[in-house]
Amino acid sequence: MSTSQQPDPRDRPARLTVGVVGAGRVGPALAASLQLAGHRPVAVSGVSDASRRRAAQLLPDVPLMPPAEVLERVDLVLLTVPDDTLPGLVEGLAETGAVRPGQLLVHTSGRYGAKVLDPALRAGALPLALHPAMTFTGTPVDVQRLAGCSFGVTAPEELRLAAEALVIEMGGEPEWIAEEMRPLYHAALALGANHLVTLVAQSMELLREAGVAAPDRMLGPLLGAALDNALRSGDAALTGPVARGDAGTVAAHVAELRKHAPQTVAGYLAMARATADRALAHGLLKPELAEDLLGVLATGTDGAEGDAR
């Protein structure tokens, strides 16, 4: 076996200069990943103190400057700003002449495809939508998490190979998403990841209220197993009182939540109804048990209509 060392990524041909506009949690991590692949971050734009700290930590020695100056200096621009900010930013950069012909313009919004970059396309830029399906912390651990992370990729057909190549260089797995499917794709991710955080946080609060000293340690193995089972088996992994049709247990849950954490009742009822519907549709919940269960979910424990907000 050869003992020769692998070549330094910086020695590879056609390396790109990279700039970041919007030094939130995502941009510096992606730029740092591209740097590991041999590309060269040379400029970053960030406004808040937190964004400047993140840039300094993940991209040390890369100068901070206004967005238009970032675009002047780089071959590849990462637009990593909030979804609602992106269209106006693109229009502004294009109208002021900051966009250069042949420049790769990449946004990381899950909501939008490539069409949001049309103003830059008309200015000669090459538009790519590369959304990492990952939650970010704003710390160096994010770079490691990109290994094997799926990216939702949308771009003009002639740029598809370039978009997929960039994702692979960042250690990710490209998944092609049609332009018109981007909002649905993003809704699916938000439904799972964002709501999961809310559910877990509520569960930990309730366990503390019940006297559990280390709710995170109690939940870790349980939720890890539940997630693994759900990813492997889908609805067949459903367990618990709702899937079993234990109406009395669910009624007791609702009563206790009303007493100790009324702000969680609406979410509990909504998720229980959705779980019951799926369990019934997949033959896990017996129809003869479903009637009483659904009655509890509709009326709660006191005969009043359930909170359906």
C-alpha atoms as a PDB file:
ATOM      1  CA  MET A   1       0.000   0.000   0.000  1.00  0.00           C
ATOM      2  CA  SER A   2       1.290   3.454  -0.894  1.00  0.00           C
ATOM      3  CA  THR A   3       2.449   5.596   2.008  1.00  0.00           C
ATOM      4  CA  SER A   4       2.322   8.848   0.079  1.00  0.00           C
ATOM      5  CA  GLN A   5       0.265  11.603   1.670  1.00  0.00           C
ATOM      6  CA  GLN A   6      -2.958  12.865   0.162  1.00  0.00           C
ATOM      7  CA  PRO A   7      -2.502  16.166  -1.699  1.00  0.00           C
ATOM      8  CA  ASP A   8      -3.400  19.342   0.138  1.00  0.00           C
ATOM      9  CA  PRO A   9      -6.955  20.401  -0.936  1.00  0.00           C
ATOM     10  CA  ARG A  10      -5.594  23.910  -1.533  1.00  0.00           C
ATOM     11  CA  ASP A  11      -3.456  22.534  -4.353  1.00  0.00           C
ATOM     12  CA  ARG A  12      -6.490  21.372  -6.343  1.00  0.00           C
ATOM     13  CA  PRO A  13      -7.318  23.315  -9.520  1.00  0.00           C
ATOM     14  CA  ALA A  14     -10.278  25.646  -9.941  1.00  0.00           C
ATOM     15  CA  ARG A  15     -10.637  26.534  -6.271  1.00  0.00           C
ATOM     16  CA  LEU A  16     -13.138  29.317  -5.622  1.00  0.00           C
ATOM     17  CA  THR A  17     -12.970  32.437  -3.490  1.00  0.00           C
ATOM     18  CA  VAL A  18     -15.964  32.371  -1.127  1.00  0.00           C
ATOM     19  CA  GLY A  19     -17.920  35.140   0.571  1.00  0.00           C
ATOM     20  CA  VAL A  20     -20.694  35.043   3.154  1.00  0.00           C
ATOM     21  CA  VAL A  21     -23.531  37.569   3.336  1.00  0.00           C
ATOM     22  CA  GLY A  22     -25.314  37.032   6.629  1.00  0.00           C
ATOM     23  CA  ALA A  23     -23.071  35.537   9.303  1.00  0.00           C
ATOM     24  CA  GLY A  24     -25.829  33.751  11.180  1.00  0.00           C
ATOM     25  CA  ARG A  25     -25.467  30.167  12.278  1.00  0.00           C
ATOM     26  CA  VAL A  26     -25.415  28.663   8.776  1.00  0.00           C
ATOM     27  CA  GLY A  27     -23.143  30.774   6.585  1.00  0.00           C
ATOM     28  CA  PRO A  28     -19.847  30.522   8.499  1.00  0.00           C
ATOM     29  CA  ALA A  29     -20.286  26.751   8.906  1.00  0.00           C
ATOM     30  CA  LEU A  30     -20.821  26.230   5.178  1.00  0.00           C
ATOM     31  CA  ALA A  31     -17.882  28.477   4.322  1.00  0.00           C
ATOM     32  CA  ALA A  32     -15.687  26.572   6.775  1.00  0.00           C
ATOM     33  CA  SER A  33     -16.746  23.301   5.118  1.00  0.00           C
ATOM     34  CA  LEU A  34     -15.882  24.696   1.698  1.00  0.00           C
ATOM     35  CA  GLN A  35     -12.529  25.765   3.103  1.00  0.00           C
ATOM     36  CA  LEU A  36     -11.830  22.160   4.123  1.00  0.00           C
ATOM     37  CA  ALA A  37     -12.493  21.212   0.490  1.00  0.00           C
ATOM     38  CA  GLY A  38      -9.846  23.685  -0.646  1.00  0.00           C
ATOM     39  CA  HIS A  39     -11.918  26.742  -1.444  1.00  0.00           C
ATOM     40  CA  ARG A  40     -10.881  30.082   0.057  1.00  0.00           C
ATOM     41  CA  PRO A  41     -13.207  32.213   2.198  1.00  0.00           C
ATOM     42  CA  VAL A  42     -12.058  35.823   1.754  1.00  0.00           C
ATOM     43  CA  ALA A  43     -14.946  38.042   2.916  1.00  0.00           C
ATOM     44  CA  VAL A  44     -17.896  37.947   5.277  1.00  0.00           C
ATOM     45  CA  SER A  45     -20.712  40.338   6.130  1.00  0.00           C
ATOM     46  CA  GLY A  46     -22.346  40.390   9.548  1.00  0.00           C
ATOM     47  CA  VAL A  47     -24.176  43.081  11.499  1.00  0.00           C
ATOM     48  CA  SER A  48     -24.840  41.858  15.029  1.00  0.00           C
ATOM     49  CA  ASP A  49     -22.200  41.217  17.664  1.00  0.00           C
ATOM     50  CA  ALA A  50     -23.202  37.540  17.720  1.00  0.00           C
ATOM     51  CA  SER A  51     -22.720  37.179  13.974  1.00  0.00           C
ATOM     52  CA  ARG A  52     -19.320  38.822  14.175  1.00  0.00           C
ATOM     53  CA  ARG A  53     -18.276  36.446  16.958  1.00  0.00           C
ATOM     54  CA  ARG A  54     -19.423  33.443  14.932  1.00  0.00           C
ATOM     55  CA  ALA A  55     -17.480  34.651  11.903  1.00  0.00           C
ATOM     56  CA  ALA A  56     -14.361  35.170  14.006  1.00  0.00           C
ATOM     57  CA  GLN A  57     -14.643  31.693  15.493  1.00  0.00           C
ATOM     58  CA  LEU A  58     -15.359  29.713  12.326  1.00  0.00           C
ATOM     59  CA  LEU A  59     -13.584  31.938   9.792  1.00  0.00           C
ATOM     60  CA  PRO A  60     -10.620  33.476  11.634  1.00  0.00           C
ATOM     61  CA  ASP A  61      -8.690  36.134   9.736  1.00  0.00           C
ATOM     62  CA  VAL A  62     -11.487  36.545   7.158  1.00  0.00           C
ATOM     63  CA  PRO A  63     -12.306  40.286   7.042  1.00  0.00           C
ATOM     64  CA  LEU A  64     -15.757  41.702   7.728  1.00  0.00           C
ATOM     65  CA  MET A  65     -17.203  44.123   5.178  1.00  0.00           C
ATOM     66  CA  PRO A  66     -20.519  45.343   3.711  1.00  0.00           C
ATOM     67  CA  PRO A  67     -22.428  42.923   1.433  1.00  0.00           C
ATOM     68  CA  ALA A  68     -21.628  44.786  -1.801  1.00  0.00           C
ATOM     69  CA  GLU A  69     -17.908  44.609  -1.044  1.00  0.00           C
ATOM     70  CA  VAL A  70     -18.194  40.884  -0.331  1.00  0.00           C
ATOM     71  CA  LEU A  71     -19.613  40.349  -3.809  1.00  0.00           C
ATOM     72  CA  GLU A  72     -16.803  42.374  -5.380  1.00  0.00           C
ATOM     73  CA  ARG A  73     -14.180  39.979  -4.059  1.00  0.00           C
ATOM     74  CA  VAL A  74     -15.543  36.463  -4.542  1.00  0.00           C
ATOM     75  CA  ASP A  75     -16.439  33.806  -7.089  1.00  0.00           C
ATOM     76  CA  LEU A  76     -19.069  32.148  -4.865  1.00  0.00           C
ATOM     77  CA  VAL A  77     -21.460  34.042  -2.601  1.00  0.00           C
ATOM     78  CA  LEU A  78     -23.365  32.365   0.239  1.00  0.00           C
ATOM     79  CA  LEU A  79     -26.552  34.305   0.983  1.00  0.00           C
ATOM     80  CA  THR A  80     -27.418  33.005   4.443  1.00  0.00           C
ATOM     81  CA  VAL A  81     -30.052  35.459   5.636  1.00  0.00           C
ATOM     82  CA  PRO A  82     -33.588  34.876   7.008  1.00  0.00           C
ATOM     83  CA  ASP A  83     -36.186  33.750   4.472  1.00  0.00           C
ATOM     84  CA  ASP A  84     -38.206  36.957   4.618  1.00  0.00           C
ATOM     85  CA  THR A  85     -35.078  39.057   4.036  1.00  0.00           C
ATOM     86  CA  LEU A  86     -33.789  37.124   1.032  1.00  0.00           C
ATOM     87  CA  PRO A  87     -35.935  38.517  -1.844  1.00  0.00           C
ATOM     88  CA  GLY A  88     -35.226  42.149  -0.935  1.00  0.00           C
ATOM     89  CA  LEU A  89     -31.525  41.469  -0.493  1.00  0.00           C
ATOM     90  CA  VAL A  90     -31.247  39.838  -3.917  1.00  0.00           C
ATOM     91  CA  GLU A  91     -33.150  42.663  -5.594  1.00  0.00           C
ATOM     92  CA  GLY A  92     -31.019  45.280  -3.880  1.00  0.00           C
ATOM     93  CA  LEU A  93     -27.728  43.635  -4.806  1.00  0.00           C
ATOM     94  CA  ALA A  94     -28.822  43.255  -8.420  1.00  0.00           C
ATOM     95  CA  GLU A  95     -30.147  46.823  -8.724  1.00  0.00           C
ATOM     96  CA  THR A  96     -26.949  48.347  -7.347  1.00  0.00           C
ATOM     97  CA  GLY A  97     -24.762  46.405  -9.758  1.00  0.00           C
ATOM     98  CA  ALA A  98     -23.062  44.370  -7.035  1.00  0.00           C
ATOM     99  CA  VAL A  99     -23.717  41.057  -8.817  1.00  0.00           C
ATOM    100  CA  ARG A 100     -21.072  40.069 -11.363  1.00  0.00           C
ATOM    101  CA  PRO A 101     -21.653  37.922 -14.475  1.00  0.00           C
ATOM    102  CA  GLY A 102     -20.535  34.355 -13.935  1.00  0.00           C
ATOM    103  CA  GLN A 103     -20.646  34.648 -10.155  1.00  0.00           C
ATOM    104  CA  LEU A 104     -22.119  31.672  -8.280  1.00  0.00           C
ATOM    105  CA  LEU A 105     -24.912  32.963  -6.039  1.00  0.00           C
ATOM    106  CA  VAL A 106     -26.038  30.398  -3.451  1.00  0.00           C
ATOM    107  CA  HIS A 107     -28.858  30.841  -0.971  1.00  0.00           C
ATOM    108  CA  THR A 108     -29.623  28.428   1.864  1.00  0.00           C
ATOM    109  CA  SER A 109     -33.321  29.099   2.403  1.00  0.00           C
ATOM    110  CA  GLY A 110     -35.503  26.019   2.611  1.00  0.00           C
ATOM    111  CA  ARG A 111     -38.604  27.916   1.537  1.00  0.00           C
ATOM    112  CA  TYR A 112     -37.307  29.251  -1.764  1.00  0.00           C
ATOM    113  CA  GLY A 113     -35.976  27.574  -4.870  1.00  0.00           C
ATOM    114  CA  ALA A 114     -33.807  29.201  -7.508  1.00  0.00           C
ATOM    115  CA  LYS A 115     -36.432  31.657  -8.825  1.00  0.00           C
ATOM    116  CA  VAL A 116     -35.939  34.019  -5.890  1.00  0.00           C
ATOM    117  CA  LEU A 117     -32.507  34.667  -7.420  1.00  0.00           C
ATOM    118  CA  ASP A 118     -33.981  35.735 -10.797  1.00  0.00           C
ATOM    119  CA  PRO A 119     -32.886  39.398 -10.375  1.00  0.00           C
ATOM    120  CA  ALA A 120     -29.302  38.187  -9.990  1.00  0.00           C
ATOM    121  CA  LEU A 121     -29.742  35.741 -12.874  1.00  0.00           C
ATOM    122  CA  ARG A 122     -30.682  38.655 -15.124  1.00  0.00           C
ATOM    123  CA  ALA A 123     -27.442  40.316 -14.022  1.00  0.00           C
ATOM    124  CA  GLY A 124     -25.493  37.274 -15.193  1.00  0.00           C
ATOM    125  CA  ALA A 125     -25.114  35.354 -11.917  1.00  0.00           C
ATOM    126  CA  LEU A 126     -25.429  31.572 -11.635  1.00  0.00           C
ATOM    127  CA  PRO A 127     -28.273  30.818  -9.164  1.00  0.00           C
ATOM    128  CA  LEU A 128     -28.226  27.845  -6.780  1.00  0.00           C
ATOM    129  CA  ALA A 129     -30.517  26.936  -3.860  1.00  0.00           C
ATOM    130  CA  LEU A 130     -28.674  24.649  -1.415  1.00  0.00           C
ATOM    131  CA  HIS A 131     -30.552  24.080   1.841  1.00  0.00           C
ATOM    132  CA  PRO A 132     -28.890  21.913   4.502  1.00  0.00           C
ATOM    133  CA  ALA A 133     -31.476  19.794   6.321  1.00  0.00           C
ATOM    134  CA  MET A 134     -29.745  20.350   9.637  1.00  0.00           C
ATOM    135  CA  THR A 135     -30.169  22.414  12.765  1.00  0.00           C
ATOM    136  CA  PHE A 136     -27.240  24.719  13.488  1.00  0.00           C
ATOM    137  CA  THR A 137     -25.699  25.899  16.762  1.00  0.00           C
ATOM    138  CA  GLY A 138     -23.312  28.570  15.457  1.00  0.00           C
ATOM    139  CA  THR A 139     -20.287  26.626  16.772  1.00  0.00           C
ATOM    140  CA  PRO A 140     -17.580  24.473  15.141  1.00  0.00           C
ATOM    141  CA  VAL A 141     -19.643  21.330  15.785  1.00  0.00           C
ATOM    142  CA  ASP A 142     -21.853  22.402  12.855  1.00  0.00           C
ATOM    143  CA  VAL A 143     -19.040  21.678  10.387  1.00  0.00           C
ATOM    144  CA  GLN A 144     -18.827  18.110  11.652  1.00  0.00           C
ATOM    145  CA  ARG A 145     -22.596  17.652  11.447  1.00  0.00           C
ATOM    146  CA  LEU A 146     -22.577  18.472   7.740  1.00  0.00           C
ATOM    147  CA  ALA A 147     -20.911  15.121   7.062  1.00  0.00           C
ATOM    148  CA  GLY A 148     -23.709  13.005   5.566  1.00  0.00           C
ATOM    149  CA  CYS A 149     -26.273  15.807   5.915  1.00  0.00           C
ATOM    150  CA  SER A 150     -28.905  15.935   3.169  1.00  0.00           C
ATOM    151  CA  PHE A 151     -29.210  19.188   1.203  1.00  0.00           C
ATOM    152  CA  GLY A 152     -32.339  20.226  -0.657  1.00  0.00           C
ATOM    153  CA  VAL A 153     -30.951  21.267  -4.054  1.00  0.00           C
ATOM    154  CA  THR A 154     -32.760  23.391  -6.652  1.00  0.00           C
ATOM    155  CA  ALA A 155     -31.082  25.036  -9.636  1.00  0.00           C
ATOM    156  CA  PRO A 156     -31.452  25.455 -13.387  1.00  0.00           C
ATOM    157  CA  GLU A 157     -30.835  22.124 -15.107  1.00  0.00           C
ATOM    158  CA  GLU A 158     -27.578  23.321 -16.636  1.00  0.00           C
ATOM    159  CA  LEU A 159     -26.236  24.061 -13.135  1.00  0.00           C
ATOM    160  CA  ARG A 160     -27.438  20.866 -11.505  1.00  0.00           C
ATOM    161  CA  LEU A 161     -24.058  19.141 -11.587  1.00  0.00           C
ATOM    162  CA  ALA A 162     -22.301  22.201 -10.179  1.00  0.00           C
ATOM    163  CA  ALA A 163     -24.829  22.460  -7.335  1.00  0.00           C
ATOM    164  CA  GLU A 164     -24.541  18.798  -6.459  1.00  0.00           C
ATOM    165  CA  ALA A 165     -20.738  18.959  -6.599  1.00  0.00           C
ATOM    166  CA  LEU A 166     -20.648  21.814  -4.078  1.00  0.00           C
ATOM    167  CA  VAL A 167     -22.877  19.869  -1.699  1.00  0.00           C
ATOM    168  CA  ILE A 168     -20.658  16.811  -1.962  1.00  0.00           C
ATOM    169  CA  GLU A 169     -17.581  18.953  -1.291  1.00  0.00           C
ATOM    170  CA  MET A 170     -19.211  20.145   1.919  1.00  0.00           C
ATOM    171  CA  GLY A 171     -19.665  16.516   2.948  1.00  0.00           C
ATOM    172  CA  GLY A 172     -23.392  16.528   2.258  1.00  0.00           C
ATOM    173  CA  GLU A 173     -25.790  14.395   0.232  1.00  0.00           C
ATOM    174  CA  PRO A 174     -27.679  16.249  -2.539  1.00  0.00           C
ATOM    175  CA  GLU A 175     -31.425  15.665  -2.813  1.00  0.00           C
ATOM    176  CA  TRP A 176     -33.078  17.293  -5.828  1.00  0.00           C
ATOM    177  CA  ILE A 177     -36.224  19.315  -4.974  1.00  0.00           C
ATOM    178  CA  ALA A 178     -38.402  20.724  -7.747  1.00  0.00           C
ATOM    179  CA  GLU A 179     -38.939  24.491  -7.631  1.00  0.00           C
ATOM    180  CA  GLU A 180     -42.680  24.221  -6.965  1.00  0.00           C
ATOM    181  CA  MET A 181     -42.130  21.682  -4.176  1.00  0.00           C
ATOM    182  CA  ARG A 182     -39.820  23.853  -2.058  1.00  0.00           C
ATOM    183  CA  PRO A 183     -42.517  25.208   0.320  1.00  0.00           C
ATOM    184  CA  LEU A 184     -43.875  21.697   0.963  1.00  0.00           C
ATOM    185  CA  TYR A 185     -40.360  20.345   1.458  1.00  0.00           C
ATOM    186  CA  HIS A 186     -39.603  23.078   3.978  1.00  0.00           C
ATOM    187  CA  ALA A 187     -42.916  22.609   5.788  1.00  0.00           C
ATOM    188  CA  ALA A 188     -42.111  18.909   6.216  1.00  0.00           C
ATOM    189  CA  LEU A 189     -38.750  19.676   7.790  1.00  0.00           C
ATOM    190  CA  ALA A 190     -40.205  22.339  10.083  1.00  0.00           C
ATOM    191  CA  LEU A 191     -43.015  20.015  11.162  1.00  0.00           C
ATOM    192  CA  GLY A 192     -40.487  17.415  12.262  1.00  0.00           C
ATOM    193  CA  ALA A 193     -37.478  19.351  13.540  1.00  0.00           C
ATOM    194  CA  ASN A 194     -38.912  22.600  14.892  1.00  0.00           C
ATOM    195  CA  HIS A 195     -41.942  21.070  16.567  1.00  0.00           C
ATOM    196  CA  LEU A 196     -39.779  18.305  18.009  1.00  0.00           C
ATOM    197  CA  VAL A 197     -37.827  20.884  19.999  1.00  0.00           C
ATOM    198  CA  THR A 198     -41.064  22.317  21.400  1.00  0.00           C
ATOM    199  CA  LEU A 199     -42.368  18.866  22.341  1.00  0.00           C
ATOM    200  CA  VAL A 200     -39.130  17.845  24.027  1.00  0.00           C
ATOM    201  CA  ALA A 201     -38.855  21.112  25.949  1.00  0.00           C
ATOM    202  CA  GLN A 202     -42.456  20.765  27.176  1.00  0.00           C
ATOM    203  CA  SER A 203     -41.846  17.157  28.177  1.00  0.00           C
ATOM    204  CA  MET A 204     -38.761  18.121  30.199  1.00  0.00           C
ATOM    205  CA  GLU A 205     -40.682  20.897  31.978  1.00  0.00           C
ATOM    206  CA  LEU A 206     -43.461  18.475  32.946  1.00  0.00           C
ATOM    207  CA  LEU A 207     -40.982  15.894  34.209  1.00  0.00           C
ATOM    208  CA  ARG A 208     -39.324  18.531  36.401  1.00  0.00           C
ATOM    209  CA  GLU A 209     -42.777  19.459  37.731  1.00  0.00           C
ATOM    210  CA  ALA A 210     -43.310  15.760  38.498  1.00  0.00           C
ATOM    211  CA  GLY A 211     -40.093  15.668  40.513  1.00  0.00           C
ATOM    212  CA  VAL A 212     -37.664  14.112  38.020  1.00  0.00           C
ATOM    213  CA  ALA A 213     -34.184  15.468  38.776  1.00  0.00           C
ATOM    214  CA  ALA A 214     -32.627  14.772  35.373  1.00  0.00           C
ATOM    215  CA  PRO A 215     -35.368  14.823  32.717  1.00  0.00           C
ATOM    216  CA  ASP A 216     -32.836  15.020  29.894  1.00  0.00           C
ATOM    217  CA  ARG A 217     -31.224  11.769  31.046  1.00  0.00           C
ATOM    218  CA  MET A 218     -34.617  10.095  31.365  1.00  0.00           C
ATOM    219  CA  LEU A 219     -35.827  11.234  27.947  1.00  0.00           C
ATOM    220  CA  GLY A 220     -32.614  10.647  25.990  1.00  0.00           C
ATOM    221  CA  PRO A 221     -32.835   6.853  25.583  1.00  0.00           C
ATOM    222  CA  LEU A 222     -36.623   6.896  25.190  1.00  0.00           C
ATOM    223  CA  LEU A 223     -36.725   9.597  22.525  1.00  0.00           C
ATOM    224  CA  GLY A 224     -33.691   8.170  20.731  1.00  0.00           C
ATOM    225  CA  ALA A 225     -35.414   4.787  20.474  1.00  0.00           C
ATOM    226  CA  ALA A 226     -38.709   6.384  19.414  1.00  0.00           C
ATOM    227  CA  LEU A 227     -36.997   8.367  16.654  1.00  0.00           C
ATOM    228  CA  ASP A 228     -35.091   5.323  15.432  1.00  0.00           C
ATOM    229  CA  ASN A 229     -38.264   3.214  15.400  1.00  0.00           C
ATOM    230  CA  ALA A 230     -40.227   5.933  13.577  1.00  0.00           C
ATOM    231  CA  LEU A 231     -37.566   6.333  10.887  1.00  0.00           C
ATOM    232  CA  ARG A 232     -37.401   2.575  10.398  1.00  0.00           C
ATOM    233  CA  SER A 233     -41.077   1.664  10.647  1.00  0.00           C
ATOM    234  CA  GLY A 234     -43.185   4.794  10.228  1.00  0.00           C
ATOM    235  CA  ASP A 235     -46.685   4.504  11.708  1.00  0.00           C
ATOM    236  CA  ALA A 236     -46.038   0.899  12.770  1.00  0.00           C
ATOM    237  CA  ALA A 237     -43.828   2.371  15.522  1.00  0.00           C
ATOM    238  CA  LEU A 238     -46.782   4.094  17.229  1.00  0.00           C
ATOM    239  CA  THR A 239     -47.171   3.076  20.876  1.00  0.00           C
ATOM    240  CA  GLY A 240     -48.739   4.568  23.992  1.00  0.00           C
ATOM    241  CA  PRO A 241     -52.245   5.121  25.320  1.00  0.00           C
ATOM    242  CA  VAL A 242     -53.636   6.850  22.235  1.00  0.00           C
ATOM    243  CA  ALA A 243     -52.546   4.081  19.855  1.00  0.00           C
ATOM    244  CA  ARG A 244     -53.890   1.482  22.318  1.00  0.00           C
ATOM    245  CA  GLY A 245     -57.202   3.286  22.760  1.00  0.00           C
ATOM    246  CA  ASP A 246     -56.787   3.810  26.524  1.00  0.00           C
ATOM    247  CA  ALA A 247     -59.359   6.578  26.812  1.00  0.00           C
ATOM    248  CA  GLY A 248     -59.236   6.659  30.618  1.00  0.00           C
ATOM    249  CA  THR A 249     -55.472   7.212  30.649  1.00  0.00           C
ATOM    250  CA  VAL A 250     -55.734   9.993  28.073  1.00  0.00           C
ATOM    251  CA  ALA A 251     -58.517  11.627  30.108  1.00  0.00           C
ATOM    252  CA  ALA A 252     -56.266  11.530  33.180  1.00  0.00           C
ATOM    253  CA  HIS A 253     -53.445  13.114  31.170  1.00  0.00           C
ATOM    254  CA  VAL A 254     -55.677  15.957  30.045  1.00  0.00           C
ATOM    255  CA  ALA A 255     -56.931  16.557  33.590  1.00  0.00           C
ATOM    256  CA  GLU A 256     -53.385  16.726  34.981  1.00  0.00           C
ATOM    257  CA  LEU A 257     -52.201  19.009  32.213  1.00  0.00           C
ATOM    258  CA  ARG A 258     -55.124  21.372  32.798  1.00  0.00           C
ATOM    259  CA  LYS A 259     -54.111  21.514  36.467  1.00  0.00           C
ATOM    260  CA  HIS A 260     -50.322  21.824  36.174  1.00  0.00           C
ATOM    261  CA  ALA A 261     -49.564  23.102  32.664  1.00  0.00           C
ATOM    262  CA  PRO A 262     -52.686  24.447  30.924  1.00  0.00           C
ATOM    263  CA  GLN A 263     -50.557  25.956  28.160  1.00  0.00           C
ATOM    264  CA  THR A 264     -49.735  22.417  26.956  1.00  0.00           C
ATOM    265  CA  VAL A 265     -53.318  21.150  26.671  1.00  0.00           C
ATOM    266  CA  ALA A 266     -53.998  22.430  23.155  1.00  0.00           C
ATOM    267  CA  GLY A 267     -50.814  20.843  21.806  1.00  0.00           C
ATOM    268  CA  TYR A 268     -51.465  17.556  23.604  1.00  0.00           C
ATOM    269  CA  LEU A 269     -55.007  17.318  22.236  1.00  0.00           C
ATOM    270  CA  ALA A 270     -53.951  18.238  18.691  1.00  0.00           C
ATOM    271  CA  MET A 271     -51.133  15.671  18.621  1.00  0.00           C
ATOM    272  CA  ALA A 272     -53.337  13.020  20.241  1.00  0.00           C
ATOM    273  CA  ARG A 273     -56.028  13.540  17.590  1.00  0.00           C
ATOM    274  CA  ALA A 274     -53.441  13.262  14.812  1.00  0.00           C
ATOM    275  CA  THR A 275     -51.977  10.132  16.425  1.00  0.00           C
ATOM    276  CA  ALA A 276     -55.417   8.564  16.808  1.00  0.00           C
ATOM    277  CA  ASP A 277     -56.249   9.246  13.161  1.00  0.00           C
ATOM    278  CA  ARG A 278     -53.013   7.631  11.976  1.00  0.00           C
ATOM    279  CA  ALA A 279     -53.325   4.674  14.357  1.00  0.00           C
ATOM    280  CA  LEU A 280     -56.910   4.059  13.219  1.00  0.00           C
ATOM    281  CA  ALA A 281     -56.010   4.340   9.528  1.00  0.00           C
ATOM    282  CA  HIS A 282     -53.172   1.826   9.921  1.00  0.00           C
ATOM    283  CA  GLY A 283     -55.167  -0.710  11.921  1.00  0.00           C
ATOM    284  CA  LEU A 284     -53.320  -0.131  15.205  1.00  0.00           C
ATOM    285  CA  LEU A 285     -56.272   1.423  17.039  1.00  0.00           C
ATOM    286  CA  LYS A 286     -59.344  -0.797  17.235  1.00  0.00           C
ATOM    287  CA  PRO A 287     -62.475   0.950  15.973  1.00  0.00           C
ATOM    288  CA  GLU A 288     -64.479  -0.090  19.034  1.00  0.00           C
ATOM    289  CA  LEU A 289     -61.952   1.698  21.260  1.00  0.00           C
ATOM    290  CA  ALA A 290     -61.585   4.724  19.028  1.00  0.00           C
ATOM    291  CA  GLU A 291     -65.064   6.104  19.798  1.00  0.00           C
ATOM    292  CA  ASP A 292     -64.435   6.609  23.520  1.00  0.00           C
ATOM    293  CA  LEU A 293     -60.937   7.941  22.872  1.00  0.00           C
ATOM    294  CA  LEU A 294     -62.101  10.474  20.311  1.00  0.00           C
ATOM    295  CA  GLY A 295     -64.864  11.524  22.696  1.00  0.00           C
ATOM    296  CA  VAL A 296     -62.273  12.322  25.355  1.00  0.00           C
ATOM    297  CA  LEU A 297     -60.194  14.276  22.852  1.00  0.00           C
ATOM    298  CA  ALA A 298     -63.249  16.225  21.709  1.00  0.00           C
ATOM    299  CA  THR A 299     -64.620  17.102  25.156  1.00  0.00           C
ATOM    300  CA  GLY A 300     -61.718  16.781  27.598  1.00  0.00           C
ATOM    301  CA  THR A 301     -62.385  15.496  31.091  1.00  0.00           C
ATOM    302  CA  ASP A 302     -65.033  18.002  32.156  1.00  0.00           C
ATOM    303  CA  GLY A 303     -67.494  17.701  29.304  1.00  0.00           C
ATOM    304  CA  ALA A 304     -66.409  20.994  27.740  1.00  0.00           C
ATOM    305  CA  GLU A 305     -65.326  21.207  24.166  1.00  0.00           C
ATOM    306  CA  GLY A 306     -61.620  20.561  23.835  1.00  0.00           C
ATOM    307  CA  ASP A 307     -59.291  23.463  23.080  1.00  0.00           C
ATOM    308  CA  ALA A 308     -58.692  23.277  19.333  1.00  0.00           C
ATOM    309  CA  ARG A 309     -56.626  26.425  18.940  1.00  0.00           C
END
